[in-house]
Protein backbone atom coordinates (compact mmCIF):
# COMPACT_ATOMS: atom_id res chain seq x y z
CA SER A 1 68.04 33.87 52.16
CA SER A 2 64.58 33.32 53.97
CA GLY A 3 63.70 36.90 53.72
CA ILE A 4 63.84 37.52 57.31
CA ASN A 5 66.58 39.99 58.49
CA ALA A 6 67.60 38.80 61.91
CA GLU A 7 70.14 41.88 62.20
CA TYR A 8 67.51 44.21 63.62
CA GLY A 9 65.39 41.71 65.58
CA VAL A 10 62.09 40.34 65.09
CA ILE A 11 60.00 43.52 65.55
CA PHE A 12 61.12 45.27 62.37
CA SER A 13 61.27 42.16 60.15
CA VAL A 14 58.89 39.56 60.99
CA PHE A 15 55.75 41.36 62.35
CA PRO A 16 55.61 43.63 59.49
CA ASN A 17 55.47 40.42 57.25
CA ILE A 18 53.04 38.86 59.31
CA PHE A 19 50.70 42.07 59.33
CA SER A 20 50.97 42.21 55.57
CA HIS A 21 48.95 38.87 55.22
CA PHE A 22 46.11 40.27 57.42
CA VAL A 23 42.79 41.39 56.07
CA THR A 24 43.41 45.06 56.73
CA PRO A 25 47.31 45.30 56.90
CA ASN A 26 47.73 48.89 57.14
CA PHE A 27 45.33 49.20 60.33
CA TRP A 28 47.16 46.42 62.01
CA SER A 29 50.60 47.87 61.15
CA ILE A 30 49.69 51.27 62.32
CA LEU A 31 48.27 49.94 65.55
CA PHE A 32 51.32 47.79 66.06
CA PHE A 33 53.78 50.65 65.63
CA MET A 34 51.78 53.16 67.65
CA ALA A 35 51.87 50.40 70.47
CA LEU A 36 55.64 50.26 70.26
CA VAL A 37 55.90 54.14 70.30
CA LEU A 38 53.63 54.26 73.55
CA ILE A 39 55.59 51.59 75.20
CA SER A 40 59.07 53.22 74.64
CA ILE A 41 57.53 56.55 75.93
CA ASP A 42 56.30 54.62 78.94
CA SER A 43 59.80 53.08 79.31
CA MET A 44 61.53 56.48 78.99
CA TYR A 45 59.36 58.11 81.47
CA CYS A 46 60.22 55.49 84.04
CA GLN A 47 63.91 55.60 83.34
CA ILE A 48 63.98 59.49 83.31
CA ASN A 49 62.04 59.33 86.65
CA ALA A 50 64.45 56.75 88.14
CA MET A 51 67.43 58.83 87.20
CA THR A 52 65.90 61.93 88.38
CA LEU A 53 64.88 60.71 91.80
CA SER A 54 68.45 58.94 92.17
CA LEU A 55 70.05 62.20 91.57
CA MET A 56 67.89 64.14 94.04
CA GLU A 57 68.25 61.48 96.64
CA VAL A 58 71.88 60.34 96.45
CA GLY A 59 73.38 62.73 94.07
CA GLY A 60 72.85 65.95 96.22
CA PHE A 61 70.63 67.73 93.79
CA LYS A 62 67.85 68.25 96.34
CA PHE A 63 68.07 72.01 95.82
CA ILE A 64 67.03 71.53 92.16
CA PRO A 65 63.27 71.46 91.78
CA TYR A 66 62.15 68.02 90.33
CA SER A 67 60.77 69.55 87.04
CA THR A 68 64.05 71.25 86.26
CA LEU A 69 66.18 68.45 87.12
CA SER A 70 64.08 66.04 85.10
CA LEU A 71 64.26 68.45 82.14
CA ILE A 72 68.19 68.58 82.52
CA VAL A 73 68.36 64.83 82.57
CA THR A 74 65.93 64.48 79.61
CA LEU A 75 67.90 66.72 77.60
CA THR A 76 71.39 65.00 78.63
CA CYS A 77 69.72 61.68 77.53
CA VAL A 78 68.53 63.40 74.19
CA LEU A 79 71.95 64.72 73.50
CA ALA A 80 73.59 61.28 74.38
CA GLY A 81 71.26 59.61 71.79
CA LEU A 82 71.81 62.02 68.99
CA PRO A 83 74.85 59.90 67.65
CA PHE A 84 72.81 57.04 67.01
CA LEU A 85 70.59 59.05 64.80
CA MET A 86 73.27 60.22 62.50
CA GLY A 87 74.69 58.58 59.28
CA ASN A 88 76.70 56.00 61.13
CA GLY A 89 74.26 55.42 64.11
CA VAL A 90 73.51 51.64 63.17
CA TYR A 91 77.16 51.03 63.31
CA LEU A 92 77.64 52.60 66.60
CA PHE A 93 74.47 50.81 67.95
CA GLU A 94 76.05 47.55 66.78
CA ALA A 95 79.32 48.41 68.58
CA MET A 96 77.58 49.34 71.65
CA ASP A 97 75.20 46.25 71.56
CA GLY A 98 78.03 43.97 71.20
CA THR A 99 80.26 45.33 73.88
CA VAL A 100 78.00 47.05 76.54
CA ASN A 101 75.68 44.12 77.19
CA PRO A 102 78.38 41.76 78.37
CA VAL A 103 79.88 44.43 80.47
CA ILE A 104 76.71 45.10 82.15
CA CYS A 105 76.21 41.31 82.68
CA MET A 106 79.62 41.04 84.24
CA ALA A 107 78.92 44.04 86.51
CA ALA A 108 75.73 42.39 87.73
CA LEU A 109 77.64 39.08 88.41
CA LEU A 110 80.35 40.83 90.42
CA GLU A 111 77.58 42.58 92.23
CA CYS A 112 75.99 39.51 93.33
CA THR A 113 79.20 38.07 94.26
CA TYR A 114 80.29 40.96 96.34
CA ILE A 115 76.87 40.98 98.08
CA SER A 116 76.92 37.30 98.93
CA TRP A 117 80.76 36.93 99.72
CA PHE A 118 81.79 40.12 101.27
CA TYR A 119 78.49 41.66 102.71
CA GLY A 120 77.14 38.45 103.69
CA LEU A 121 73.56 37.00 103.03
CA ASP A 122 72.53 36.95 106.91
CA ARG A 123 73.56 40.54 106.94
CA LEU A 124 71.66 41.46 103.92
CA ASP A 125 68.62 39.46 105.32
CA ASP A 126 68.82 41.53 108.47
CA GLU A 127 68.99 44.81 106.41
CA LEU A 128 66.16 43.86 104.25
CA GLN A 129 63.99 42.92 107.36
CA GLN A 130 64.66 46.27 109.00
CA ARG A 131 64.15 48.42 106.06
CA SER A 132 61.13 46.54 104.31
CA SER A 133 58.67 43.82 104.86
CA LEU A 134 60.57 41.61 102.32
CA LYS A 135 61.47 38.29 103.63
CA MET A 136 64.16 35.94 101.92
CA ASN A 137 63.18 32.51 101.55
CA ASN A 138 65.60 29.75 102.97
CA ILE A 139 66.45 28.94 99.44
CA TRP A 140 68.42 32.10 99.13
């Protein structure tokens, strides 16, 4: 064994080992993990905002104030994430990581296939030009 646990990725195995060889390892480790926390908070804010605005626009929840709907979405996400914090959360994460990622990739592939074959790229190009300033290149 090389001492690197590839099971949980580079962030929690390789980087702390690298920081332990720095001159002030505690400072750099704290700085690194604070950066991870801030990046994850920023990422979650964007996801919660996107879900809330999608529900308001498409889901028919325009009658609920944005802050209330955002709170509801946040609490729903927290409740959905609680099983990952319990005793067998790592196993649940491994099961989700191994099965959900291929499903998402297949859904994206099928979506691209549907758009290109059934909807038509010329029609999509016309829609994009009507709704935005985005121009598709001739390569597409």
